Amino acid sequence: MADPDAYRRLVGRLVYVSVTRPELSYDVHTLAQFLSDPQVANWDAAIRVLRLKGSPGQGCSLVSWKTKKQPTVSCSSVEAVYRSMVVTTCELKWLKSLLTSLGVSHPSAMRLFCDS
């Protein structure tokens, strides 16, 4: 890329925007991984994120997300999937109780999909 500083400034501004637009957080986090050596493809991806910023009704409807390394090592991929489903179920239960405390009724069961 001819001007990597322009990419760094753009991603920095997107980080600021993602505070008020949490659905952009994952995309901005991914773009920030290429700050040391940005390529033209990274610039194009950042421009696509800017287009999402201008149209709040489009894009992913993300409620919450978290990324971190697991403190334990799984012996198999099935065990890793099971652990992640347990954590997701706990978060779903917490979100449902939060909605209830805010006065939002959600009587139907929440579904959790897994590809295994």
PDB file of N, CA and C in Angstrom:
ATOM      1  N   MET A   1       0.840  -1.177   0.000  1.00  0.00           N
ATOM      2  CA  MET A   1       0.000   0.000   0.000  1.00  0.00           C
ATOM      3  C   MET A   1       0.889   1.246   0.000  1.00  0.00           C
ATOM      4  N   ALA A   2       0.521   2.224  -0.802  1.00  0.00           N
ATOM      5  CA  ALA A   2       1.356   3.411  -0.970  1.00  0.00           C
ATOM      6  C   ALA A   2       1.430   4.258   0.300  1.00  0.00           C
ATOM      7  N   ASP A   3       0.294   4.422   1.007  1.00  0.00           N
ATOM      8  CA  ASP A   3       0.265   5.267   2.202  1.00  0.00           C
ATOM      9  C   ASP A   3      -0.341   4.484   3.371  1.00  0.00           C
ATOM     10  N   PRO A   4       0.471   3.721   4.110  1.00  0.00           N
ATOM     11  CA  PRO A   4      -0.072   2.940   5.218  1.00  0.00           C
ATOM     12  C   PRO A   4      -0.609   3.801   6.357  1.00  0.00           C
ATOM     13  N   ASP A   5      -0.111   5.048   6.466  1.00  0.00           N
ATOM     14  CA  ASP A   5      -0.617   5.928   7.528  1.00  0.00           C
ATOM     15  C   ASP A   5      -2.086   6.282   7.321  1.00  0.00           C
ATOM     16  N   ALA A   6      -2.515   6.387   6.071  1.00  0.00           N
ATOM     17  CA  ALA A   6      -3.932   6.672   5.798  1.00  0.00           C
ATOM     18  C   ALA A   6      -4.802   5.514   6.294  1.00  0.00           C
ATOM     19  N   TYR A   7      -4.339   4.281   6.085  1.00  0.00           N
ATOM     20  CA  TYR A   7      -5.075   3.111   6.580  1.00  0.00           C
ATOM     21  C   TYR A   7      -5.140   3.126   8.104  1.00  0.00           C
ATOM     22  N   ARG A   8      -4.026   3.460   8.745  1.00  0.00           N
ATOM     23  CA  ARG A   8      -3.995   3.501  10.213  1.00  0.00           C
ATOM     24  C   ARG A   8      -4.941   4.560  10.757  1.00  0.00           C
ATOM     25  N   ARG A   9      -4.986   5.721  10.111  1.00  0.00           N
ATOM     26  CA  ARG A   9      -5.904   6.778  10.550  1.00  0.00           C
ATOM     27  C   ARG A   9      -7.359   6.347  10.376  1.00  0.00           C
ATOM     28  N   LEU A  10      -7.653   5.696   9.241  1.00  0.00           N
ATOM     29  CA  LEU A  10      -9.011   5.240   8.979  1.00  0.00           C
ATOM     30  C   LEU A  10      -9.451   4.204  10.010  1.00  0.00           C
ATOM     31  N   VAL A  11      -8.589   3.242  10.305  1.00  0.00           N
ATOM     32  CA  VAL A  11      -8.937   2.222  11.299  1.00  0.00           C
ATOM     33  C   VAL A  11      -9.078   2.863  12.681  1.00  0.00           C
ATOM     34  N   GLY A  12      -8.250   3.829  12.993  1.00  0.00           N
ATOM     35  CA  GLY A  12      -8.382   4.539  14.271  1.00  0.00           C
ATOM     36  C   GLY A  12      -9.726   5.236  14.396  1.00  0.00           C
ATOM     37  N   ARG A  13     -10.176   5.836  13.327  1.00  0.00           N
ATOM     38  CA  ARG A  13     -11.495   6.476  13.349  1.00  0.00           C
ATOM     39  C   ARG A  13     -12.607   5.453  13.457  1.00  0.00           C
ATOM     40  N   LEU A  14     -12.422   4.305  12.803  1.00  0.00           N
ATOM     41  CA  LEU A  14     -13.423   3.243  12.898  1.00  0.00           C
ATOM     42  C   LEU A  14     -13.494   2.669  14.314  1.00  0.00           C
ATOM     43  N   VAL A  15     -12.352   2.613  15.003  1.00  0.00           N
ATOM     44  CA  VAL A  15     -12.360   2.164  16.398  1.00  0.00           C
ATOM     45  C   VAL A  15     -13.221   3.109  17.230  1.00  0.00           C
ATOM     46  N   TYR A  16     -13.082   4.398  16.999  1.00  0.00           N
ATOM     47  CA  TYR A  16     -13.892   5.382  17.720  1.00  0.00           C
ATOM     48  C   TYR A  16     -15.383   5.206  17.405  1.00  0.00           C
ATOM     49  N   VAL A  17     -15.707   4.968  16.136  1.00  0.00           N
ATOM     50  CA  VAL A  17     -17.106   4.793  15.732  1.00  0.00           C
ATOM     51  C   VAL A  17     -17.691   3.514  16.322  1.00  0.00           C
ATOM     52  N   SER A  18     -16.866   2.469  16.458  1.00  0.00           N
ATOM     53  CA  SER A  18     -17.382   1.192  16.940  1.00  0.00           C
ATOM     54  C   SER A  18     -17.828   1.246  18.400  1.00  0.00           C
ATOM     55  N   VAL A  19     -17.460   2.314  19.118  1.00  0.00           N
ATOM     56  CA  VAL A  19     -17.944   2.479  20.491  1.00  0.00           C
ATOM     57  C   VAL A  19     -19.459   2.678  20.482  1.00  0.00           C
ATOM     58  N   THR A  20     -19.952   3.435  19.527  1.00  0.00           N
ATOM     59  CA  THR A  20     -21.396   3.688  19.445  1.00  0.00           C
ATOM     60  C   THR A  20     -22.100   2.742  18.492  1.00  0.00           C
ATOM     61  N   ARG A  21     -21.369   2.009  17.688  1.00  0.00           N
ATOM     62  CA  ARG A  21     -21.946   1.050  16.733  1.00  0.00           C
ATOM     63  C   ARG A  21     -21.324  -0.324  16.972  1.00  0.00           C
ATOM     64  N   PRO A  22     -21.782  -1.064  17.992  1.00  0.00           N
ATOM     65  CA  PRO A  22     -21.127  -2.323  18.355  1.00  0.00           C
ATOM     66  C   PRO A  22     -21.174  -3.392  17.268  1.00  0.00           C
ATOM     67  N   GLU A  23     -22.086  -3.266  16.298  1.00  0.00           N
ATOM     68  CA  GLU A  23     -22.137  -4.275  15.240  1.00  0.00           C
ATOM     69  C   GLU A  23     -20.921  -4.185  14.311  1.00  0.00           C
ATOM     70  N   LEU A  24     -20.175  -3.088  14.405  1.00  0.00           N
ATOM     71  CA  LEU A  24     -18.972  -2.935  13.592  1.00  0.00           C
ATOM     72  C   LEU A  24     -17.708  -3.399  14.320  1.00  0.00           C
ATOM     73  N   SER A  25     -17.830  -3.733  15.594  1.00  0.00           N
ATOM     74  CA  SER A  25     -16.654  -4.023  16.415  1.00  0.00           C
ATOM     75  C   SER A  25     -15.821  -5.170  15.875  1.00  0.00           C
ATOM     76  N   TYR A  26     -16.454  -6.257  15.484  1.00  0.00           N
ATOM     77  CA  TYR A  26     -15.694  -7.413  15.003  1.00  0.00           C
ATOM     78  C   TYR A  26     -14.921  -7.061  13.732  1.00  0.00           C
ATOM     79  N   ASP A  27     -15.573  -6.372  12.813  1.00  0.00           N
ATOM     80  CA  ASP A  27     -14.911  -5.995  11.568  1.00  0.00           C
ATOM     81  C   ASP A  27     -13.727  -5.073  11.828  1.00  0.00           C
ATOM     82  N   VAL A  28     -13.912  -4.107  12.713  1.00  0.00           N
ATOM     83  CA  VAL A  28     -12.834  -3.162  13.022  1.00  0.00           C
ATOM     84  C   VAL A  28     -11.694  -3.887  13.732  1.00  0.00           C
ATOM     85  N   HIS A  29     -12.037  -4.819  14.614  1.00  0.00           N
ATOM     86  CA  HIS A  29     -11.009  -5.620  15.302  1.00  0.00           C
ATOM     87  C   HIS A  29     -10.167  -6.394  14.291  1.00  0.00           C
ATOM     88  N   THR A  30     -10.821  -6.966  13.300  1.00  0.00           N
ATOM     89  CA  THR A  30     -10.102  -7.712  12.273  1.00  0.00           C
ATOM     90  C   THR A  30      -9.215  -6.791  11.444  1.00  0.00           C
ATOM     91  N   LEU A  31      -9.724  -5.619  11.091  1.00  0.00           N
ATOM     92  CA  LEU A  31      -8.925  -4.659  10.315  1.00  0.00           C
ATOM     93  C   LEU A  31      -7.705  -4.181  11.103  1.00  0.00           C
ATOM     94  N   ALA A  32      -7.850  -4.052  12.415  1.00  0.00           N
ATOM     95  CA  ALA A  32      -6.751  -3.554  13.243  1.00  0.00           C
ATOM     96  C   ALA A  32      -5.586  -4.534  13.316  1.00  0.00           C
ATOM     97  N   GLN A  33      -5.808  -5.783  12.952  1.00  0.00           N
ATOM     98  CA  GLN A  33      -4.731  -6.770  12.981  1.00  0.00           C
ATOM     99  C   GLN A  33      -3.700  -6.528  11.874  1.00  0.00           C
ATOM    100  N   PHE A  34      -4.036  -5.693  10.901  1.00  0.00           N
ATOM    101  CA  PHE A  34      -3.150  -5.459   9.759  1.00  0.00           C
ATOM    102  C   PHE A  34      -2.539  -4.064   9.769  1.00  0.00           C
ATOM    103  N   LEU A  35      -2.461  -3.429  10.933  1.00  0.00           N
ATOM    104  CA  LEU A  35      -1.934  -2.067  11.012  1.00  0.00           C
ATOM    105  C   LEU A  35      -0.445  -1.995  10.677  1.00  0.00           C
ATOM    106  N   SER A  36       0.307  -3.038  10.983  1.00  0.00           N
ATOM    107  CA  SER A  36       1.755  -2.973  10.751  1.00  0.00           C
ATOM    108  C   SER A  36       2.115  -3.070   9.275  1.00  0.00           C
ATOM    109  N   ASP A  37       1.329  -3.830   8.496  1.00  0.00           N
ATOM    110  CA  ASP A  37       1.633  -3.985   7.066  1.00  0.00           C
ATOM    111  C   ASP A  37       0.327  -4.069   6.276  1.00  0.00           C
ATOM    112  N   PRO A  38      -0.383  -2.952   6.124  1.00  0.00           N
ATOM    113  CA  PRO A  38      -1.663  -2.999   5.414  1.00  0.00           C
ATOM    114  C   PRO A  38      -1.482  -3.208   3.914  1.00  0.00           C
ATOM    115  N   GLN A  39      -2.412  -3.923   3.328  1.00  0.00           N
ATOM    116  CA  GLN A  39      -2.423  -4.165   1.891  1.00  0.00           C
ATOM    117  C   GLN A  39      -3.630  -3.439   1.283  1.00  0.00           C
ATOM    118  N   VAL A  40      -3.685  -3.397  -0.012  1.00  0.00           N
ATOM    119  CA  VAL A  40      -4.792  -2.736  -0.710  1.00  0.00           C
ATOM    120  C   VAL A  40      -6.108  -3.441  -0.379  1.00  0.00           C
ATOM    121  N   ALA A  41      -6.083  -4.762  -0.229  1.00  0.00           N
ATOM    122  CA  ALA A  41      -7.300  -5.505   0.120  1.00  0.00           C
ATOM    123  C   ALA A  41      -7.825  -5.080   1.491  1.00  0.00           C
ATOM    124  N   ASN A  42      -6.913  -4.760   2.423  1.00  0.00           N
ATOM    125  CA  ASN A  42      -7.343  -4.280   3.742  1.00  0.00           C
ATOM    126  C   ASN A  42      -8.001  -2.911   3.630  1.00  0.00           C
ATOM    127  N   TRP A  43      -7.449  -2.060   2.794  1.00  0.00           N
ATOM    128  CA  TRP A  43      -8.046  -0.740   2.560  1.00  0.00           C
ATOM    129  C   TRP A  43      -9.456  -0.885   1.994  1.00  0.00           C
ATOM    130  N   ASP A  44      -9.611  -1.775   1.013  1.00  0.00           N
ATOM    131  CA  ASP A  44     -10.930  -1.999   0.418  1.00  0.00           C
ATOM    132  C   ASP A  44     -11.925  -2.512   1.459  1.00  0.00           C
ATOM    133  N   ALA A  45     -11.467  -3.392   2.344  1.00  0.00           N
ATOM    134  CA  ALA A  45     -12.343  -3.900   3.402  1.00  0.00           C
ATOM    135  C   ALA A  45     -12.747  -2.783   4.361  1.00  0.00           C
ATOM    136  N   ALA A  46     -11.828  -1.885   4.677  1.00  0.00           N
ATOM    137  CA  ALA A  46     -12.147  -0.765   5.559  1.00  0.00           C
ATOM    138  C   ALA A  46     -13.179   0.165   4.913  1.00  0.00           C
ATOM    139  N   ILE A  47     -13.070   0.343   3.614  1.00  0.00           N
ATOM    140  CA  ILE A  47     -14.053   1.175   2.899  1.00  0.00           C
ATOM    141  C   ILE A  47     -15.431   0.514   2.949  1.00  0.00           C
ATOM    142  N   ARG A  48     -15.482  -0.832   2.841  1.00  0.00           N
ATOM    143  CA  ARG A  48     -16.770  -1.532   2.948  1.00  0.00           C
ATOM    144  C   ARG A  48     -17.380  -1.353   4.337  1.00  0.00           C
ATOM    145  N   VAL A  49     -16.548  -1.329   5.369  1.00  0.00           N
ATOM    146  CA  VAL A  49     -17.050  -1.092   6.731  1.00  0.00           C
ATOM    147  C   VAL A  49     -17.617   0.320   6.829  1.00  0.00           C
ATOM    148  N   LEU A  50     -16.983   1.286   6.170  1.00  0.00           N
ATOM    149  CA  LEU A  50     -17.525   2.646   6.150  1.00  0.00           C
ATOM    150  C   LEU A  50     -18.907   2.682   5.515  1.00  0.00           C
ATOM    151  N   ARG A  51     -19.123   1.881   4.484  1.00  0.00           N
ATOM    152  CA  ARG A  51     -20.447   1.823   3.855  1.00  0.00           C
ATOM    153  C   ARG A  51     -21.475   1.257   4.827  1.00  0.00           C
ATOM    154  N   LEU A  52     -21.087   0.268   5.652  1.00  0.00           N
ATOM    155  CA  LEU A  52     -22.000  -0.266   6.666  1.00  0.00           C
ATOM    156  C   LEU A  52     -22.335   0.796   7.703  1.00  0.00           C
ATOM    157  N   LYS A  53     -21.350   1.649   8.022  1.00  0.00           N
ATOM    158  CA  LYS A  53     -21.554   2.705   9.011  1.00  0.00           C
ATOM    159  C   LYS A  53     -22.648   3.662   8.564  1.00  0.00           C
ATOM    160  N   GLY A  54     -22.720   3.907   7.269  1.00  0.00           N
ATOM    161  CA  GLY A  54     -23.704   4.847   6.766  1.00  0.00           C
ATOM    162  C   GLY A  54     -25.099   4.269   6.631  1.00  0.00           C
ATOM    163  N   SER A  55     -25.239   2.970   6.790  1.00  0.00           N
ATOM    164  CA  SER A  55     -26.555   2.335   6.658  1.00  0.00           C
ATOM    165  C   SER A  55     -26.799   1.428   7.855  1.00  0.00           C
ATOM    166  N   PRO A  56     -27.272   2.002   8.971  1.00  0.00           N
ATOM    167  CA  PRO A  56     -27.402   1.220  10.196  1.00  0.00           C
ATOM    168  C   PRO A  56     -28.403   0.075  10.116  1.00  0.00           C
ATOM    169  N   GLY A  57     -29.283   0.074   9.138  1.00  0.00           N
ATOM    170  CA  GLY A  57     -30.251  -1.007   9.030  1.00  0.00           C
ATOM    171  C   GLY A  57     -29.686  -2.246   8.357  1.00  0.00           C
ATOM    172  N   GLN A  58     -28.501  -2.137   7.788  1.00  0.00           N
ATOM    173  CA  GLN A  58     -27.899  -3.268   7.080  1.00  0.00           C
ATOM    174  C   GLN A  58     -26.746  -3.834   7.894  1.00  0.00           C
ATOM    175  N   GLY A  59     -26.224  -4.953   7.453  1.00  0.00           N
ATOM    176  CA  GLY A  59     -25.093  -5.566   8.136  1.00  0.00           C
ATOM    177  C   GLY A  59     -25.558  -6.590   9.139  1.00  0.00           C
ATOM    178  N   CYS A  60     -24.663  -7.041   9.975  1.00  0.00           N
ATOM    179  CA  CYS A  60     -25.016  -8.076  10.944  1.00  0.00           C
ATOM    180  C   CYS A  60     -25.701  -7.446  12.149  1.00  0.00           C
ATOM    181  N   SER A  61     -26.673  -8.160  12.748  1.00  0.00           N
ATOM    182  CA  SER A  61     -27.371  -7.658  13.946  1.00  0.00           C
ATOM    183  C   SER A  61     -26.763  -8.323  15.154  1.00  0.00           C
ATOM    184  N   LEU A  62     -25.529  -7.954  15.486  1.00  0.00           N
ATOM    185  CA  LEU A  62     -24.771  -8.549  16.565  1.00  0.00           C
ATOM    186  C   LEU A  62     -25.249  -8.016  17.910  1.00  0.00           C
ATOM    187  N   VAL A  63     -25.508  -8.896  18.871  1.00  0.00           N
ATOM    188  CA  VAL A  63     -25.917  -8.480  20.203  1.00  0.00           C
ATOM    189  C   VAL A  63     -24.698  -8.369  21.099  1.00  0.00           C
ATOM    190  N   SER A  64     -23.914  -9.419  21.179  1.00  0.00           N
ATOM    191  CA  SER A  64     -22.691  -9.374  21.975  1.00  0.00           C
ATOM    192  C   SER A  64     -21.699 -10.375  21.406  1.00  0.00           C
ATOM    193  N   TRP A  65     -20.442 -10.142  21.667  1.00  0.00           N
ATOM    194  CA  TRP A  65     -19.409 -11.067  21.230  1.00  0.00           C
ATOM    195  C   TRP A  65     -18.202 -10.902  22.124  1.00  0.00           C
ATOM    196  N   LYS A  66     -17.422 -11.949  22.176  1.00  0.00           N
ATOM    197  CA  LYS A  66     -16.214 -11.911  22.984  1.00  0.00           C
ATOM    198  C   LYS A  66     -15.212 -12.865  22.355  1.00  0.00           C
ATOM    199  N   THR A  67     -13.975 -12.477  22.347  1.00  0.00           N
ATOM    200  CA  THR A  67     -12.937 -13.365  21.845  1.00  0.00           C
ATOM    201  C   THR A  67     -11.814 -13.410  22.862  1.00  0.00           C
ATOM    202  N   LYS A  68     -11.418 -14.620  23.219  1.00  0.00           N
ATOM    203  CA  LYS A  68     -10.288 -14.789  24.120  1.00  0.00           C
ATOM    204  C   LYS A  68      -9.791 -16.217  24.007  1.00  0.00           C
ATOM    205  N   LYS A  69      -8.583 -16.431  24.428  1.00  0.00           N
ATOM    206  CA  LYS A  69      -8.032 -17.773  24.409  1.00  0.00           C
ATOM    207  C   LYS A  69      -8.639 -18.563  25.557  1.00  0.00           C
ATOM    208  N   GLN A  70      -8.941 -19.826  25.283  1.00  0.00           N
ATOM    209  CA  GLN A  70      -9.503 -20.668  26.331  1.00  0.00           C
ATOM    210  C   GLN A  70      -8.422 -20.985  27.358  1.00  0.00           C
ATOM    211  N   PRO A  71      -8.791 -21.012  28.645  1.00  0.00           N
ATOM    212  CA  PRO A  71      -7.787 -21.321  29.669  1.00  0.00           C
ATOM    213  C   PRO A  71      -7.424 -22.802  29.708  1.00  0.00           C
ATOM    214  N   THR A  72      -8.218 -23.644  29.047  1.00  0.00           N
ATOM    215  CA  THR A  72      -7.937 -25.076  29.043  1.00  0.00           C
ATOM    216  C   THR A  72      -7.706 -25.548  27.609  1.00  0.00           C
ATOM    217  N   VAL A  73      -7.079 -26.687  27.492  1.00  0.00           N
ATOM    218  CA  VAL A  73      -6.824 -27.276  26.186  1.00  0.00           C
ATOM    219  C   VAL A  73      -7.781 -28.447  26.008  1.00  0.00           C
ATOM    220  N   SER A  74      -8.541 -28.441  24.930  1.00  0.00           N
ATOM    221  CA  SER A  74      -9.465 -29.529  24.649  1.00  0.00           C
ATOM    222  C   SER A  74      -8.726 -30.670  23.972  1.00  0.00           C
ATOM    223  N   CYS A  75      -9.142 -31.884  24.310  1.00  0.00           N
ATOM    224  CA  CYS A  75      -8.505 -33.068  23.717  1.00  0.00           C
ATOM    225  C   CYS A  75      -9.049 -33.371  22.326  1.00  0.00           C
ATOM    226  N   SER A  76     -10.220 -32.852  22.006  1.00  0.00           N
ATOM    227  CA  SER A  76     -10.802 -33.112  20.695  1.00  0.00           C
ATOM    228  C   SER A  76     -11.615 -31.898  20.257  1.00  0.00           C
ATOM    229  N   SER A  77     -11.931 -31.853  18.971  1.00  0.00           N
ATOM    230  CA  SER A  77     -12.730 -30.738  18.471  1.00  0.00           C
ATOM    231  C   SER A  77     -14.155 -30.805  19.018  1.00  0.00           C
ATOM    232  N   VAL A  78     -14.655 -32.010  19.273  1.00  0.00           N
ATOM    233  CA  VAL A  78     -15.992 -32.151  19.850  1.00  0.00           C
ATOM    234  C   VAL A  78     -16.034 -31.535  21.237  1.00  0.00           C
ATOM    235  N   GLU A  79     -14.982 -31.762  22.025  1.00  0.00           N
ATOM    236  CA  GLU A  79     -14.925 -31.178  23.360  1.00  0.00           C
ATOM    237  C   GLU A  79     -14.848 -29.651  23.285  1.00  0.00           C
ATOM    238  N   ALA A  80     -14.099 -29.126  22.329  1.00  0.00           N
ATOM    239  CA  ALA A  80     -13.999 -27.670  22.164  1.00  0.00           C
ATOM    240  C   ALA A  80     -15.348 -27.075  21.798  1.00  0.00           C
ATOM    241  N   VAL A  81     -16.083 -27.756  20.900  1.00  0.00           N
ATOM    242  CA  VAL A  81     -17.417 -27.284  20.521  1.00  0.00           C
ATOM    243  C   VAL A  81     -18.352 -27.341  21.717  1.00  0.00           C
ATOM    244  N   TYR A  82     -18.279 -28.400  22.493  1.00  0.00           N
ATOM    245  CA  TYR A  82     -19.123 -28.534  23.678  1.00  0.00           C
ATOM    246  C   TYR A  82     -18.841 -27.411  24.666  1.00  0.00           C
ATOM    247  N   ARG A  83     -17.559 -27.115  24.908  1.00  0.00           N
ATOM    248  CA  ARG A  83     -17.222 -26.033  25.840  1.00  0.00           C
ATOM    249  C   ARG A  83     -17.765 -24.686  25.353  1.00  0.00           C
ATOM    250  N   SER A  84     -17.642 -24.423  24.060  1.00  0.00           N
ATOM    251  CA  SER A  84     -18.134 -23.141  23.542  1.00  0.00           C
ATOM    252  C   SER A  84     -19.658 -23.073  23.613  1.00  0.00           C
ATOM    253  N   MET A  85     -20.334 -24.210  23.421  1.00  0.00           N
ATOM    254  CA  MET A  85     -21.802 -24.222  23.533  1.00  0.00           C
ATOM    255  C   MET A  85     -22.237 -23.980  24.975  1.00  0.00           C
ATOM    256  N   VAL A  86     -21.485 -24.493  25.940  1.00  0.00           N
ATOM    257  CA  VAL A  86     -21.803 -24.265  27.353  1.00  0.00           C
ATOM    258  C   VAL A  86     -21.684 -22.778  27.683  1.00  0.00           C
ATOM    259  N   VAL A  87     -20.600 -22.171  27.224  1.00  0.00           N
ATOM    260  CA  VAL A  87     -20.397 -20.741  27.481  1.00  0.00           C
ATOM    261  C   VAL A  87     -21.498 -19.921  26.802  1.00  0.00           C
ATOM    262  N   THR A  88     -21.857 -20.283  25.579  1.00  0.00           N
ATOM    263  CA  THR A  88     -22.909 -19.570  24.853  1.00  0.00           C
ATOM    264  C   THR A  88     -24.254 -19.723  25.545  1.00  0.00           C
ATOM    265  N   THR A  89     -24.549 -20.923  26.044  1.00  0.00           N
ATOM    266  CA  THR A  89     -25.805 -21.145  26.765  1.00  0.00           C
ATOM    267  C   THR A  89     -25.874 -20.291  28.023  1.00  0.00           C
ATOM    268  N   CYS A  90     -24.773 -20.205  28.746  1.00  0.00           N
ATOM    269  CA  CYS A  90     -24.735 -19.349  29.937  1.00  0.00           C
ATOM    270  C   CYS A  90     -24.992 -17.891  29.572  1.00  0.00           C
ATOM    271  N   GLU A  91     -24.399 -17.439  28.465  1.00  0.00           N
ATOM    272  CA  GLU A  91     -24.609 -16.051  28.047  1.00  0.00           C
ATOM    273  C   GLU A  91     -26.047 -15.825  27.600  1.00  0.00           C
ATOM    274  N   LEU A  92     -26.643 -16.807  26.916  1.00  0.00           N
ATOM    275  CA  LEU A  92     -28.049 -16.679  26.515  1.00  0.00           C
ATOM    276  C   LEU A  92     -28.965 -16.588  27.725  1.00  0.00           C
ATOM    277  N   LYS A  93     -28.682 -17.411  28.736  1.00  0.00           N
ATOM    278  CA  LYS A  93     -29.488 -17.340  29.965  1.00  0.00           C
ATOM    279  C   LYS A  93     -29.345 -15.976  30.631  1.00  0.00           C
ATOM    280  N   TRP A  94     -28.115 -15.431  30.631  1.00  0.00           N
ATOM    281  CA  TRP A  94     -27.891 -14.116  31.227  1.00  0.00           C
ATOM    282  C   TRP A  94     -28.634 -13.034  30.444  1.00  0.00           C
ATOM    283  N   LEU A  95     -28.584 -13.123  29.093  1.00  0.00           N
ATOM    284  CA  LEU A  95     -29.277 -12.133  28.276  1.00  0.00           C
ATOM    285  C   LEU A  95     -30.789 -12.191  28.492  1.00  0.00           C
ATOM    286  N   LYS A  96     -31.326 -13.407  28.639  1.00  0.00           N
ATOM    287  CA  LYS A  96     -32.765 -13.541  28.866  1.00  0.00           C
ATOM    288  C   LYS A  96     -33.145 -12.951  30.224  1.00  0.00           C
ATOM    289  N   SER A  97     -32.323 -13.177  31.249  1.00  0.00           N
ATOM    290  CA  SER A  97     -32.624 -12.585  32.556  1.00  0.00           C
ATOM    291  C   SER A  97     -32.468 -11.063  32.520  1.00  0.00           C
ATOM    292  N   LEU A  98     -31.524 -10.566  31.738  1.00  0.00           N
ATOM    293  CA  LEU A  98     -31.369  -9.117  31.590  1.00  0.00           C
ATOM    294  C   LEU A  98     -32.599  -8.511  30.924  1.00  0.00           C
ATOM    295  N   LEU A  99     -33.071  -9.149  29.856  1.00  0.00           N
ATOM    296  CA  LEU A  99     -34.288  -8.672  29.192  1.00  0.00           C
ATOM    297  C   LEU A  99     -35.476  -8.686  30.140  1.00  0.00           C
ATOM    298  N   THR A 100     -35.591  -9.739  30.942  1.00  0.00           N
ATOM    299  CA  THR A 100     -36.693  -9.829  31.908  1.00  0.00           C
ATOM    300  C   THR A 100     -36.607  -8.705  32.927  1.00  0.00           C
ATOM    301  N   SER A 101     -35.413  -8.417  33.420  1.00  0.00           N
ATOM    302  CA  SER A 101     -35.261  -7.338  34.409  1.00  0.00           C
ATOM    303  C   SER A 101     -35.542  -5.968  33.798  1.00  0.00           C
ATOM    304  N   LEU A 102     -35.383  -5.854  32.477  1.00  0.00           N
ATOM    305  CA  LEU A 102     -35.700  -4.589  31.799  1.00  0.00           C
ATOM    306  C   LEU A 102     -37.170  -4.506  31.388  1.00  0.00           C
ATOM    307  N   GLY A 103     -37.931  -5.570  31.683  1.00  0.00           N
ATOM    308  CA  GLY A 103     -39.354  -5.570  31.372  1.00  0.00           C
ATOM    309  C   GLY A 103     -39.690  -6.065  29.980  1.00  0.00           C
ATOM    310  N   VAL A 104     -38.743  -6.698  29.315  1.00  0.00           N
ATOM    311  CA  VAL A 104     -38.986  -7.231  27.977  1.00  0.00           C
ATOM    312  C   VAL A 104     -39.276  -8.716  28.106  1.00  0.00           C
ATOM    313  N   SER A 105     -40.450  -9.111  27.666  1.00  0.00           N
ATOM    314  CA  SER A 105     -40.842 -10.506  27.770  1.00  0.00           C
ATOM    315  C   SER A 105     -40.387 -11.280  26.530  1.00  0.00           C
ATOM    316  N   HIS A 106     -39.760 -12.400  26.765  1.00  0.00           N
ATOM    317  CA  HIS A 106     -39.323 -13.273  25.671  1.00  0.00           C
ATOM    318  C   HIS A 106     -39.703 -14.701  26.060  1.00  0.00           C
ATOM    319  N   PRO A 107     -40.981 -15.081  25.833  1.00  0.00           N
ATOM    320  CA  PRO A 107     -41.457 -16.375  26.335  1.00  0.00           C
ATOM    321  C   PRO A 107     -40.964 -17.582  25.544  1.00  0.00           C
ATOM    322  N   SER A 108     -40.566 -17.400  24.302  1.00  0.00           N
ATOM    323  CA  SER A 108     -40.158 -18.560  23.507  1.00  0.00           C
ATOM    324  C   SER A 108     -38.720 -18.973  23.843  1.00  0.00           C
ATOM    325  N   ALA A 109     -38.425 -20.220  23.561  1.00  0.00           N
ATOM    326  CA  ALA A 109     -37.088 -20.751  23.839  1.00  0.00           C
ATOM    327  C   ALA A 109     -36.092 -20.202  22.821  1.00  0.00           C
ATOM    328  N   MET A 110     -34.860 -19.967  23.290  1.00  0.00           N
ATOM    329  CA  MET A 110     -33.811 -19.522  22.393  1.00  0.00           C
ATOM    330  C   MET A 110     -33.139 -20.752  21.797  1.00  0.00           C
ATOM    331  N   ARG A 111     -32.815 -20.655  20.513  1.00  0.00           N
ATOM    332  CA  ARG A 111     -32.224 -21.806  19.827  1.00  0.00           C
ATOM    333  C   ARG A 111     -30.734 -21.585  19.651  1.00  0.00           C
ATOM    334  N   LEU A 112     -29.987 -22.641  19.850  1.00  0.00           N
ATOM    335  CA  LEU A 112     -28.534 -22.628  19.686  1.00  0.00           C
ATOM    336  C   LEU A 112     -28.185 -23.643  18.609  1.00  0.00           C
ATOM    337  N   PHE A 113     -27.548 -23.192  17.542  1.00  0.00           N
ATOM    338  CA  PHE A 113     -27.202 -24.062  16.436  1.00  0.00           C
ATOM    339  C   PHE A 113     -25.738 -24.476  16.526  1.00  0.00           C
ATOM    340  N   CYS A 114     -25.463 -25.691  16.116  1.00  0.00           N
ATOM    341  CA  CYS A 114     -24.101 -26.221  16.113  1.00  0.00           C
ATOM    342  C   CYS A 114     -23.940 -27.066  14.853  1.00  0.00           C
ATOM    343  N   ASP A 115     -22.771 -27.011  14.236  1.00  0.00           N
ATOM    344  CA  ASP A 115     -22.568 -27.771  13.009  1.00  0.00           C
ATOM    345  C   ASP A 115     -22.011 -29.161  13.249  1.00  0.00           C
ATOM    346  N   SER A 116     -21.785 -29.530  14.491  1.00  0.00           N
ATOM    347  CA  SER A 116     -21.256 -30.868  14.767  1.00  0.00           C
ATOM    348  C   SER A 116     -22.388 -31.849  15.057  1.00  0.00           C
TER     349      SER A 116
END
